[in-house]
């Protein structure tokens, strides 16, 4: 859920960057920043998938409430 929230924040930033590039006098800078944020979101999704797969491999579950050995 946390990663989904971060994705929503990044997508809202993309909408703002593209809107400022279109209606402001920023040229292509807003669109380039939106492209950078899309690349950042793709990298974040890949890292999140790797974390989830590693947790499933070690604990045979992806339920965060059942994984309490990380506290030690």
C-alpha atoms as a PDB file:
ATOM      1  CA  UNK A   1       0.000   0.000   0.000  1.00  0.00           C
ATOM      2  CA  UNK A   2       2.880   2.350   0.722  1.00  0.00           C
ATOM      3  CA  UNK A   3       4.383   1.784  -2.709  1.00  0.00           C
ATOM      4  CA  UNK A   4       1.006   2.393  -4.328  1.00  0.00           C
ATOM      5  CA  UNK A   5       0.785   5.711  -2.489  1.00  0.00           C
ATOM      6  CA  UNK A   6       4.221   6.696  -3.753  1.00  0.00           C
ATOM      7  CA  UNK A   7       3.171   5.804  -7.291  1.00  0.00           C
ATOM      8  CA  UNK A   8       0.093   8.030  -6.982  1.00  0.00           C
ATOM      9  CA  UNK A   9       2.234  10.926  -5.759  1.00  0.00           C
ATOM     10  CA  UNK A  10       4.648  10.485  -8.671  1.00  0.00           C
ATOM     11  CA  UNK A  11       1.766  10.361 -11.169  1.00  0.00           C
ATOM     12  CA  UNK A  12       0.265  13.559  -9.778  1.00  0.00           C
ATOM     13  CA  UNK A  13       3.671  15.230 -10.086  1.00  0.00           C
ATOM     14  CA  UNK A  14       3.776  14.101 -13.731  1.00  0.00           C
ATOM     15  CA  UNK A  15       0.417  15.701 -14.418  1.00  0.00           C
ATOM     16  CA  UNK A  16       1.639  18.957 -12.894  1.00  0.00           C
ATOM     17  CA  UNK A  17       4.904  18.904 -14.867  1.00  0.00           C
ATOM     18  CA  UNK A  18       3.114  18.361 -18.170  1.00  0.00           C
ATOM     19  CA  UNK A  19       0.462  20.988 -17.381  1.00  0.00           C
ATOM     20  CA  UNK A  20       3.100  23.566 -16.435  1.00  0.00           C
ATOM     21  CA  UNK A  21       5.023  22.756 -19.612  1.00  0.00           C
ATOM     22  CA  UNK A  22       1.880  23.201 -21.701  1.00  0.00           C
ATOM     23  CA  UNK A  23       0.367  26.299 -20.113  1.00  0.00           C
ATOM     24  CA  UNK A  24       3.481  27.973 -18.735  1.00  0.00           C
ATOM     25  CA  UNK A  25       6.507  29.255 -20.548  1.00  0.00           C
ATOM     26  CA  UNK A  26       8.712  26.310 -19.615  1.00  0.00           C
ATOM     27  CA  UNK A  27       9.114  24.740 -23.052  1.00  0.00           C
ATOM     28  CA  UNK A  28      10.012  21.075 -22.885  1.00  0.00           C
ATOM     29  CA  UNK A  29      11.492  21.148 -19.369  1.00  0.00           C
ATOM     30  CA  UNK A  30       8.268  19.972 -17.749  1.00  0.00           C
ATOM     31  CA  UNK A  31       7.912  17.107 -20.182  1.00  0.00           C
ATOM     32  CA  UNK A  32      11.537  16.078 -19.642  1.00  0.00           C
ATOM     33  CA  UNK A  33      10.984  16.086 -15.884  1.00  0.00           C
ATOM     34  CA  UNK A  34       7.860  13.959 -16.368  1.00  0.00           C
ATOM     35  CA  UNK A  35       9.906  11.482 -18.417  1.00  0.00           C
ATOM     36  CA  UNK A  36      12.497  11.357 -15.634  1.00  0.00           C
ATOM     37  CA  UNK A  37       9.764  10.685 -13.059  1.00  0.00           C
ATOM     38  CA  UNK A  38       8.355   7.864 -15.223  1.00  0.00           C
ATOM     39  CA  UNK A  39      11.815   6.273 -15.370  1.00  0.00           C
ATOM     40  CA  UNK A  40      12.126   6.686 -11.598  1.00  0.00           C
ATOM     41  CA  UNK A  41       8.724   5.033 -11.067  1.00  0.00           C
ATOM     42  CA  UNK A  42       9.712   2.084 -13.267  1.00  0.00           C
ATOM     43  CA  UNK A  43      12.896   1.592 -11.255  1.00  0.00           C
ATOM     44  CA  UNK A  44      10.913   1.792  -8.031  1.00  0.00           C
ATOM     45  CA  UNK A  45       8.484  -0.848  -9.277  1.00  0.00           C
ATOM     46  CA  UNK A  46      11.348  -3.164 -10.186  1.00  0.00           C
ATOM     47  CA  UNK A  47      12.930  -2.766  -6.746  1.00  0.00           C
ATOM     48  CA  UNK A  48       9.567  -3.319  -5.036  1.00  0.00           C
ATOM     49  CA  UNK A  49       9.026  -6.507  -7.029  1.00  0.00           C
ATOM     50  CA  UNK A  50      12.492  -7.730  -6.042  1.00  0.00           C
ATOM     51  CA  UNK A  51      11.761  -7.027  -2.368  1.00  0.00           C
ATOM     52  CA  UNK A  52       8.415  -8.844  -2.494  1.00  0.00           C
ATOM     53  CA  UNK A  53       9.947 -11.848  -4.249  1.00  0.00           C
ATOM     54  CA  UNK A  54      12.777 -12.006  -1.708  1.00  0.00           C
ATOM     55  CA  UNK A  55      10.329 -11.845   1.209  1.00  0.00           C
ATOM     56  CA  UNK A  56       8.202 -14.590  -0.364  1.00  0.00           C
ATOM     57  CA  UNK A  57      11.277 -16.761  -0.909  1.00  0.00           C
ATOM     58  CA  UNK A  58      12.368 -16.420   2.735  1.00  0.00           C
ATOM     59  CA  UNK A  59       9.002 -16.499   4.532  1.00  0.00           C
ATOM     60  CA  UNK A  60       6.596 -18.157   2.035  1.00  0.00           C
ATOM     61  CA  UNK A  61       4.134 -15.304   2.504  1.00  0.00           C
ATOM     62  CA  UNK A  62       3.779 -11.697   1.408  1.00  0.00           C
ATOM     63  CA  UNK A  63       1.480 -10.695   4.264  1.00  0.00           C
ATOM     64  CA  UNK A  64       3.322  -8.019   6.212  1.00  0.00           C
ATOM     65  CA  UNK A  65       1.521  -8.866   9.457  1.00  0.00           C
ATOM     66  CA  UNK A  66       2.922 -12.407   9.428  1.00  0.00           C
ATOM     67  CA  UNK A  67       6.517 -11.339   8.924  1.00  0.00           C
ATOM     68  CA  UNK A  68       7.720 -10.396  12.378  1.00  0.00           C
ATOM     69  CA  UNK A  69      11.237 -11.853  12.371  1.00  0.00           C
ATOM     70  CA  UNK A  70      12.583  -8.703  10.721  1.00  0.00           C
ATOM     71  CA  UNK A  71      12.210  -6.941  14.075  1.00  0.00           C
ATOM     72  CA  UNK A  72      15.080  -8.906  15.617  1.00  0.00           C
END
